[in-house]
Amino acid sequence: MTFIEFKKHLLDIEMTLPGFCNLIKVSDKNIQSYKKKGHVPNAIAAVITCFVALHENNVDFKNLIEDLKLKKKTKKGGFSKKNLK
């Protein structure tokens, strides 16, 4: 799926990119990086396609996803300290 198709699907479900990122607990920068590549990964394409189908059938997918209690992954920066003896 192209990034443009992805953005059109966001419009279909009346959601912003930051809202989508917050819902699925991924970094906004991560999704924005796919704009340069021109396409989104298969997993993101599958998720947004399902969201569109659920929205078209008046299913409140947002609550379903929030009930999963997803956690945002964070990078642990810097070098780990090692005890050198």
PDB file of N, CA and C in Angstrom:
ATOM      1  N   MET A   1       0.848  -1.172   0.000  1.00  0.00           N
ATOM      2  CA  MET A   1       0.000   0.000   0.000  1.00  0.00           C
ATOM      3  C   MET A   1       0.893   1.235   0.000  1.00  0.00           C
ATOM      4  N   THR A   2       0.557   2.179  -0.851  1.00  0.00           N
ATOM      5  CA  THR A   2       1.343   3.410  -0.898  1.00  0.00           C
ATOM      6  C   THR A   2       1.017   4.267   0.318  1.00  0.00           C
ATOM      7  N   PHE A   3       1.915   5.184   0.616  1.00  0.00           N
ATOM      8  CA  PHE A   3       1.686   6.079   1.740  1.00  0.00           C
ATOM      9  C   PHE A   3       0.470   6.965   1.467  1.00  0.00           C
ATOM     10  N   ILE A   4       0.267   7.346   0.222  1.00  0.00           N
ATOM     11  CA  ILE A   4      -0.892   8.171  -0.148  1.00  0.00           C
ATOM     12  C   ILE A   4      -2.191   7.403   0.096  1.00  0.00           C
ATOM     13  N   GLU A   5      -2.224   6.116  -0.277  1.00  0.00           N
ATOM     14  CA  GLU A   5      -3.411   5.290  -0.009  1.00  0.00           C
ATOM     15  C   GLU A   5      -3.659   5.187   1.497  1.00  0.00           C
ATOM     16  N   PHE A   6      -2.584   5.023   2.254  1.00  0.00           N
ATOM     17  CA  PHE A   6      -2.687   4.961   3.704  1.00  0.00           C
ATOM     18  C   PHE A   6      -3.330   6.239   4.252  1.00  0.00           C
ATOM     19  N   LYS A   7      -2.843   7.394   3.785  1.00  0.00           N
ATOM     20  CA  LYS A   7      -3.387   8.677   4.248  1.00  0.00           C
ATOM     21  C   LYS A   7      -4.866   8.816   3.870  1.00  0.00           C
ATOM     22  N   LYS A   8      -5.251   8.332   2.689  1.00  0.00           N
ATOM     23  CA  LYS A   8      -6.666   8.385   2.281  1.00  0.00           C
ATOM     24  C   LYS A   8      -7.518   7.533   3.208  1.00  0.00           C
ATOM     25  N   HIS A   9      -6.986   6.385   3.618  1.00  0.00           N
ATOM     26  CA  HIS A   9      -7.716   5.528   4.547  1.00  0.00           C
ATOM     27  C   HIS A   9      -7.891   6.213   5.901  1.00  0.00           C
ATOM     28  N   LEU A  10      -6.883   6.972   6.330  1.00  0.00           N
ATOM     29  CA  LEU A  10      -7.030   7.733   7.572  1.00  0.00           C
ATOM     30  C   LEU A  10      -8.197   8.711   7.465  1.00  0.00           C
ATOM     31  N   LEU A  11      -8.332   9.344   6.300  1.00  0.00           N
ATOM     32  CA  LEU A  11      -9.465  10.256   6.089  1.00  0.00           C
ATOM     33  C   LEU A  11     -10.781   9.484   6.141  1.00  0.00           C
ATOM     34  N   ASP A  12     -10.788   8.273   5.563  1.00  0.00           N
ATOM     35  CA  ASP A  12     -11.999   7.446   5.558  1.00  0.00           C
ATOM     36  C   ASP A  12     -12.494   7.138   6.971  1.00  0.00           C
ATOM     37  N   ILE A  13     -11.554   6.949   7.891  1.00  0.00           N
ATOM     38  CA  ILE A  13     -11.943   6.620   9.261  1.00  0.00           C
ATOM     39  C   ILE A  13     -11.944   7.852  10.171  1.00  0.00           C
ATOM     40  N   GLU A  14     -11.798   9.024   9.550  1.00  0.00           N
ATOM     41  CA  GLU A  14     -11.853  10.297  10.269  1.00  0.00           C
ATOM     42  C   GLU A  14     -10.837  10.344  11.405  1.00  0.00           C
ATOM     43  N   MET A  15      -9.589   9.975  11.062  1.00  0.00           N
ATOM     44  CA  MET A  15      -8.527   9.938  12.057  1.00  0.00           C
ATOM     45  C   MET A  15      -7.298  10.659  11.518  1.00  0.00           C
ATOM     46  N   THR A  16      -6.598  11.315  12.416  1.00  0.00           N
ATOM     47  CA  THR A  16      -5.353  11.977  12.041  1.00  0.00           C
ATOM     48  C   THR A  16      -4.203  10.978  12.158  1.00  0.00           C
ATOM     49  N   LEU A  17      -3.090  11.312  11.559  1.00  0.00           N
ATOM     50  CA  LEU A  17      -1.906  10.463  11.686  1.00  0.00           C
ATOM     51  C   LEU A  17      -1.460  10.366  13.143  1.00  0.00           C
ATOM     52  N   PRO A  18      -1.371  11.488  13.879  1.00  0.00           N
ATOM     53  CA  PRO A  18      -1.006  11.361  15.300  1.00  0.00           C
ATOM     54  C   PRO A  18      -2.015  10.523  16.097  1.00  0.00           C
ATOM     55  N   GLY A  19      -3.292  10.638  15.760  1.00  0.00           N
ATOM     56  CA  GLY A  19      -4.313   9.836  16.439  1.00  0.00           C
ATOM     57  C   GLY A  19      -4.138   8.353  16.179  1.00  0.00           C
ATOM     58  N   PHE A  20      -3.822   8.002  14.927  1.00  0.00           N
ATOM     59  CA  PHE A  20      -3.564   6.615  14.555  1.00  0.00           C
ATOM     60  C   PHE A  20      -2.351   6.083  15.316  1.00  0.00           C
ATOM     61  N   CYS A  21      -1.294   6.875  15.324  1.00  0.00           N
ATOM     62  CA  CYS A  21      -0.060   6.467  16.009  1.00  0.00           C
ATOM     63  C   CYS A  21      -0.299   6.269  17.493  1.00  0.00           C
ATOM     64  N   ASN A  22      -1.052   7.166  18.094  1.00  0.00           N
ATOM     65  CA  ASN A  22      -1.355   7.050  19.516  1.00  0.00           C
ATOM     66  C   ASN A  22      -2.199   5.805  19.794  1.00  0.00           C
ATOM     67  N   LEU A  23      -3.156   5.520  18.916  1.00  0.00           N
ATOM     68  CA  LEU A  23      -4.029   4.368  19.106  1.00  0.00           C
ATOM     69  C   LEU A  23      -3.261   3.049  19.068  1.00  0.00           C
ATOM     70  N   ILE A  24      -2.349   2.917  18.100  1.00  0.00           N
ATOM     71  CA  ILE A  24      -1.621   1.651  17.980  1.00  0.00           C
ATOM     72  C   ILE A  24      -0.265   1.692  18.686  1.00  0.00           C
ATOM     73  N   LYS A  25       0.012   2.793  19.359  1.00  0.00           N
ATOM     74  CA  LYS A  25       1.218   2.961  20.194  1.00  0.00           C
ATOM     75  C   LYS A  25       2.521   2.812  19.406  1.00  0.00           C
ATOM     76  N   VAL A  26       2.597   3.547  18.303  1.00  0.00           N
ATOM     77  CA  VAL A  26       3.846   3.627  17.546  1.00  0.00           C
ATOM     78  C   VAL A  26       4.232   5.098  17.424  1.00  0.00           C
ATOM     79  N   SER A  27       5.488   5.332  17.162  1.00  0.00           N
ATOM     80  CA  SER A  27       5.997   6.688  17.034  1.00  0.00           C
ATOM     81  C   SER A  27       5.472   7.346  15.764  1.00  0.00           C
ATOM     82  N   ASP A  28       5.081   8.599  15.900  1.00  0.00           N
ATOM     83  CA  ASP A  28       4.647   9.392  14.749  1.00  0.00           C
ATOM     84  C   ASP A  28       5.778   9.473  13.721  1.00  0.00           C
ATOM     85  N   LYS A  29       7.014   9.622  14.216  1.00  0.00           N
ATOM     86  CA  LYS A  29       8.180   9.698  13.322  1.00  0.00           C
ATOM     87  C   LYS A  29       8.338   8.397  12.535  1.00  0.00           C
ATOM     88  N   ASN A  30       8.052   7.293  13.189  1.00  0.00           N
ATOM     89  CA  ASN A  30       8.159   5.986  12.541  1.00  0.00           C
ATOM     90  C   ASN A  30       7.239   5.914  11.324  1.00  0.00           C
ATOM     91  N   ILE A  31       5.988   6.299  11.510  1.00  0.00           N
ATOM     92  CA  ILE A  31       5.022   6.249  10.407  1.00  0.00           C
ATOM     93  C   ILE A  31       5.376   7.295   9.353  1.00  0.00           C
ATOM     94  N   GLN A  32       5.793   8.481   9.766  1.00  0.00           N
ATOM     95  CA  GLN A  32       6.165   9.539   8.819  1.00  0.00           C
ATOM     96  C   GLN A  32       7.338   9.108   7.938  1.00  0.00           C
ATOM     97  N   SER A  33       8.213   8.254   8.469  1.00  0.00           N
ATOM     98  CA  SER A  33       9.372   7.819   7.688  1.00  0.00           C
ATOM     99  C   SER A  33       8.952   7.016   6.453  1.00  0.00           C
ATOM    100  N   TYR A  34       7.764   6.411   6.501  1.00  0.00           N
ATOM    101  CA  TYR A  34       7.287   5.639   5.348  1.00  0.00           C
ATOM    102  C   TYR A  34       6.896   6.547   4.189  1.00  0.00           C
ATOM    103  N   LYS A  35       6.681   7.834   4.478  1.00  0.00           N
ATOM    104  CA  LYS A  35       6.356   8.785   3.422  1.00  0.00           C
ATOM    105  C   LYS A  35       7.500   8.864   2.418  1.00  0.00           C
ATOM    106  N   LYS A  36       8.734   8.889   2.922  1.00  0.00           N
ATOM    107  CA  LYS A  36       9.904   8.951   2.039  1.00  0.00           C
ATOM    108  C   LYS A  36      10.050   7.680   1.218  1.00  0.00           C
ATOM    109  N   LYS A  37       9.713   6.550   1.829  1.00  0.00           N
ATOM    110  CA  LYS A  37       9.812   5.266   1.138  1.00  0.00           C
ATOM    111  C   LYS A  37       8.695   5.093   0.106  1.00  0.00           C
ATOM    112  N   GLY A  38       7.586   5.794   0.338  1.00  0.00           N
ATOM    113  CA  GLY A  38       6.478   5.746  -0.610  1.00  0.00           C
ATOM    114  C   GLY A  38       5.444   4.678  -0.321  1.00  0.00           C
ATOM    115  N   HIS A  39       5.721   3.803   0.622  1.00  0.00           N
ATOM    116  CA  HIS A  39       4.762   2.753   0.971  1.00  0.00           C
ATOM    117  C   HIS A  39       4.867   2.422   2.455  1.00  0.00           C
ATOM    118  N   VAL A  40       3.826   1.784   2.959  1.00  0.00           N
ATOM    119  CA  VAL A  40       3.816   1.383   4.368  1.00  0.00           C
ATOM    120  C   VAL A  40       4.018  -0.123   4.451  1.00  0.00           C
ATOM    121  N   PRO A  41       4.531  -0.605   5.578  1.00  0.00           N
ATOM    122  CA  PRO A  41       4.722  -2.049   5.741  1.00  0.00           C
ATOM    123  C   PRO A  41       3.386  -2.802   5.697  1.00  0.00           C
ATOM    124  N   ASN A  42       3.467  -4.072   5.390  1.00  0.00           N
ATOM    125  CA  ASN A  42       2.272  -4.908   5.282  1.00  0.00           C
ATOM    126  C   ASN A  42       1.416  -4.861   6.543  1.00  0.00           C
ATOM    127  N   ALA A  43       2.048  -4.888   7.709  1.00  0.00           N
ATOM    128  CA  ALA A  43       1.286  -4.901   8.962  1.00  0.00           C
ATOM    129  C   ALA A  43       0.465  -3.623   9.120  1.00  0.00           C
ATOM    130  N   ILE A  44       1.043  -2.480   8.791  1.00  0.00           N
ATOM    131  CA  ILE A  44       0.317  -1.207   8.883  1.00  0.00           C
ATOM    132  C   ILE A  44      -0.806  -1.173   7.852  1.00  0.00           C
ATOM    133  N   ALA A  45      -0.534  -1.668   6.648  1.00  0.00           N
ATOM    134  CA  ALA A  45      -1.561  -1.724   5.606  1.00  0.00           C
ATOM    135  C   ALA A  45      -2.730  -2.601   6.048  1.00  0.00           C
ATOM    136  N   ALA A  46      -2.427  -3.734   6.669  1.00  0.00           N
ATOM    137  CA  ALA A  46      -3.478  -4.642   7.136  1.00  0.00           C
ATOM    138  C   ALA A  46      -4.300  -3.992   8.243  1.00  0.00           C
ATOM    139  N   VAL A  47      -3.635  -3.323   9.164  1.00  0.00           N
ATOM    140  CA  VAL A  47      -4.333  -2.672  10.277  1.00  0.00           C
ATOM    141  C   VAL A  47      -5.272  -1.591   9.767  1.00  0.00           C
ATOM    142  N   ILE A  48      -4.786  -0.706   8.914  1.00  0.00           N
ATOM    143  CA  ILE A  48      -5.627   0.400   8.447  1.00  0.00           C
ATOM    144  C   ILE A  48      -6.785  -0.115   7.599  1.00  0.00           C
ATOM    145  N   THR A  49      -6.563  -1.174   6.822  1.00  0.00           N
ATOM    146  CA  THR A  49      -7.632  -1.761   6.009  1.00  0.00           C
ATOM    147  C   THR A  49      -8.728  -2.341   6.907  1.00  0.00           C
ATOM    148  N   CYS A  50      -8.324  -3.003   7.971  1.00  0.00           N
ATOM    149  CA  CYS A  50      -9.304  -3.537   8.931  1.00  0.00           C
ATOM    150  C   CYS A  50     -10.058  -2.403   9.621  1.00  0.00           C
ATOM    151  N   PHE A  51      -9.338  -1.350   9.994  1.00  0.00           N
ATOM    152  CA  PHE A  51      -9.990  -0.202  10.623  1.00  0.00           C
ATOM    153  C   PHE A  51     -11.054   0.393   9.706  1.00  0.00           C
ATOM    154  N   VAL A  52     -10.743   0.503   8.424  1.00  0.00           N
ATOM    155  CA  VAL A  52     -11.707   1.052   7.454  1.00  0.00           C
ATOM    156  C   VAL A  52     -12.942   0.153   7.386  1.00  0.00           C
ATOM    157  N   ALA A  53     -12.734  -1.159   7.290  1.00  0.00           N
ATOM    158  CA  ALA A  53     -13.857  -2.094   7.206  1.00  0.00           C
ATOM    159  C   ALA A  53     -14.721  -2.021   8.472  1.00  0.00           C
ATOM    160  N   LEU A  54     -14.092  -1.960   9.622  1.00  0.00           N
ATOM    161  CA  LEU A  54     -14.841  -1.860  10.871  1.00  0.00           C
ATOM    162  C   LEU A  54     -15.617  -0.550  10.932  1.00  0.00           C
ATOM    163  N   HIS A  55     -14.975   0.538  10.531  1.00  0.00           N
ATOM    164  CA  HIS A  55     -15.632   1.856  10.529  1.00  0.00           C
ATOM    165  C   HIS A  55     -16.847   1.852   9.601  1.00  0.00           C
ATOM    166  N   GLU A  56     -16.697   1.254   8.432  1.00  0.00           N
ATOM    167  CA  GLU A  56     -17.804   1.200   7.471  1.00  0.00           C
ATOM    168  C   GLU A  56     -18.981   0.386   7.999  1.00  0.00           C
ATOM    169  N   ASN A  57     -18.698  -0.533   8.920  1.00  0.00           N
ATOM    170  CA  ASN A  57     -19.750  -1.360   9.518  1.00  0.00           C
ATOM    171  C   ASN A  57     -20.159  -0.863  10.904  1.00  0.00           C
ATOM    172  N   ASN A  58     -19.803   0.394  11.186  1.00  0.00           N
ATOM    173  CA  ASN A  58     -20.177   1.063  12.439  1.00  0.00           C
ATOM    174  C   ASN A  58     -19.705   0.316  13.686  1.00  0.00           C
ATOM    175  N   VAL A  59     -18.535  -0.295  13.601  1.00  0.00           N
ATOM    176  CA  VAL A  59     -17.927  -0.951  14.755  1.00  0.00           C
ATOM    177  C   VAL A  59     -16.935   0.022  15.377  1.00  0.00           C
ATOM    178  N   ASP A  60     -17.043   0.215  16.675  1.00  0.00           N
ATOM    179  CA  ASP A  60     -16.150   1.137  17.373  1.00  0.00           C
ATOM    180  C   ASP A  60     -14.805   0.449  17.611  1.00  0.00           C
ATOM    181  N   PHE A  61     -13.959   0.471  16.588  1.00  0.00           N
ATOM    182  CA  PHE A  61     -12.660  -0.211  16.667  1.00  0.00           C
ATOM    183  C   PHE A  61     -11.716   0.459  17.649  1.00  0.00           C
ATOM    184  N   LYS A  62     -11.901   1.739  17.898  1.00  0.00           N
ATOM    185  CA  LYS A  62     -10.998   2.459  18.807  1.00  0.00           C
ATOM    186  C   LYS A  62     -11.050   1.859  20.209  1.00  0.00           C
ATOM    187  N   ASN A  63     -12.255   1.590  20.698  1.00  0.00           N
ATOM    188  CA  ASN A  63     -12.373   0.976  22.018  1.00  0.00           C
ATOM    189  C   ASN A  63     -11.798  -0.435  22.030  1.00  0.00           C
ATOM    190  N   LEU A  64     -11.984  -1.180  20.941  1.00  0.00           N
ATOM    191  CA  LEU A  64     -11.415  -2.529  20.856  1.00  0.00           C
ATOM    192  C   LEU A  64      -9.895  -2.489  20.994  1.00  0.00           C
ATOM    193  N   ILE A  65      -9.265  -1.538  20.310  1.00  0.00           N
ATOM    194  CA  ILE A  65      -7.810  -1.425  20.352  1.00  0.00           C
ATOM    195  C   ILE A  65      -7.354  -0.920  21.720  1.00  0.00           C
ATOM    196  N   GLU A  66      -8.059   0.063  22.257  1.00  0.00           N
ATOM    197  CA  GLU A  66      -7.685   0.593  23.577  1.00  0.00           C
ATOM    198  C   GLU A  66      -7.786  -0.479  24.653  1.00  0.00           C
ATOM    199  N   ASP A  67      -8.762  -1.402  24.520  1.00  0.00           N
ATOM    200  CA  ASP A  67      -8.923  -2.492  25.494  1.00  0.00           C
ATOM    201  C   ASP A  67      -7.725  -3.444  25.496  1.00  0.00           C
ATOM    202  N   LEU A  68      -6.939  -3.432  24.426  1.00  0.00           N
ATOM    203  CA  LEU A  68      -5.745  -4.280  24.371  1.00  0.00           C
ATOM    204  C   LEU A  68      -4.642  -3.785  25.311  1.00  0.00           C
ATOM    205  N   LYS A  69      -4.753  -2.517  25.718  1.00  0.00           N
ATOM    206  CA  LYS A  69      -3.757  -1.896  26.601  1.00  0.00           C
ATOM    207  C   LYS A  69      -2.336  -2.051  26.033  1.00  0.00           C
ATOM    208  N   LEU A  70      -2.212  -1.673  24.771  1.00  0.00           N
ATOM    209  CA  LEU A  70      -0.911  -1.731  24.114  1.00  0.00           C
ATOM    210  C   LEU A  70       0.053  -0.788  24.817  1.00  0.00           C
ATOM    211  N   LYS A  71       1.305  -1.120  24.768  1.00  0.00           N
ATOM    212  CA  LYS A  71       2.338  -0.271  25.373  1.00  0.00           C
ATOM    213  C   LYS A  71       3.275   0.212  24.278  1.00  0.00           C
ATOM    214  N   LYS A  72       3.620   1.488  24.367  1.00  0.00           N
ATOM    215  CA  LYS A  72       4.536   2.084  23.404  1.00  0.00           C
ATOM    216  C   LYS A  72       5.952   1.640  23.724  1.00  0.00           C
ATOM    217  N   LYS A  73       6.648   1.158  22.722  1.00  0.00           N
ATOM    218  CA  LYS A  73       8.038   0.764  22.912  1.00  0.00           C
ATOM    219  C   LYS A  73       8.907   2.008  22.860  1.00  0.00           C
ATOM    220  N   THR A  74       9.892   2.049  23.751  1.00  0.00           N
ATOM    221  CA  THR A  74      10.814   3.175  23.759  1.00  0.00           C
ATOM    222  C   THR A  74      12.225   2.646  23.590  1.00  0.00           C
ATOM    223  N   LYS A  75      13.018   3.439  22.919  1.00  0.00           N
ATOM    224  CA  LYS A  75      14.423   3.081  22.751  1.00  0.00           C
ATOM    225  C   LYS A  75      15.174   3.474  24.009  1.00  0.00           C
ATOM    226  N   LYS A  76      16.065   2.612  24.411  1.00  0.00           N
ATOM    227  CA  LYS A  76      16.922   2.932  25.543  1.00  0.00           C
ATOM    228  C   LYS A  76      18.225   3.458  24.970  1.00  0.00           C
ATOM    229  N   GLY A  77      18.412   4.746  25.100  1.00  0.00           N
ATOM    230  CA  GLY A  77      19.583   5.383  24.502  1.00  0.00           C
ATOM    231  C   GLY A  77      20.840   5.191  25.302  1.00  0.00           C
ATOM    232  N   GLY A  78      21.950   5.483  24.667  1.00  0.00           N
ATOM    233  CA  GLY A  78      23.250   5.435  25.329  1.00  0.00           C
ATOM    234  C   GLY A  78      23.829   4.028  25.400  1.00  0.00           C
ATOM    235  N   PHE A  79      25.004   3.989  25.944  1.00  0.00           N
ATOM    236  CA  PHE A  79      25.689   2.721  26.114  1.00  0.00           C
ATOM    237  C   PHE A  79      25.404   2.190  27.510  1.00  0.00           C
ATOM    238  N   SER A  80      25.287   0.882  27.626  1.00  0.00           N
ATOM    239  CA  SER A  80      25.113   0.304  28.957  1.00  0.00           C
ATOM    240  C   SER A  80      26.455   0.301  29.676  1.00  0.00           C
ATOM    241  N   LYS A  81      26.394   0.533  30.958  1.00  0.00           N
ATOM    242  CA  LYS A  81      27.630   0.577  31.745  1.00  0.00           C
ATOM    243  C   LYS A  81      28.026  -0.833  32.128  1.00  0.00           C
ATOM    244  N   LYS A  82      29.291  -1.116  32.003  1.00  0.00           N
ATOM    245  CA  LYS A  82      29.797  -2.432  32.357  1.00  0.00           C
ATOM    246  C   LYS A  82      30.793  -2.272  33.489  1.00  0.00           C
ATOM    247  N   ASN A  83      30.734  -3.201  34.403  1.00  0.00           N
ATOM    248  CA  ASN A  83      31.723  -3.213  35.477  1.00  0.00           C
ATOM    249  C   ASN A  83      32.981  -3.886  34.961  1.00  0.00           C
ATOM    250  N   LEU A  84      34.016  -3.125  34.835  1.00  0.00           N
ATOM    251  CA  LEU A  84      35.293  -3.680  34.381  1.00  0.00           C
ATOM    252  C   LEU A  84      36.215  -3.829  35.574  1.00  0.00           C
ATOM    253  N   LYS A  85      36.613  -5.024  35.838  1.00  0.00           N
ATOM    254  CA  LYS A  85      37.507  -5.270  36.986  1.00  0.00           C
ATOM    255  C   LYS A  85      38.774  -5.918  36.529  1.00  0.00           C
TER     256      LYS A  85
END
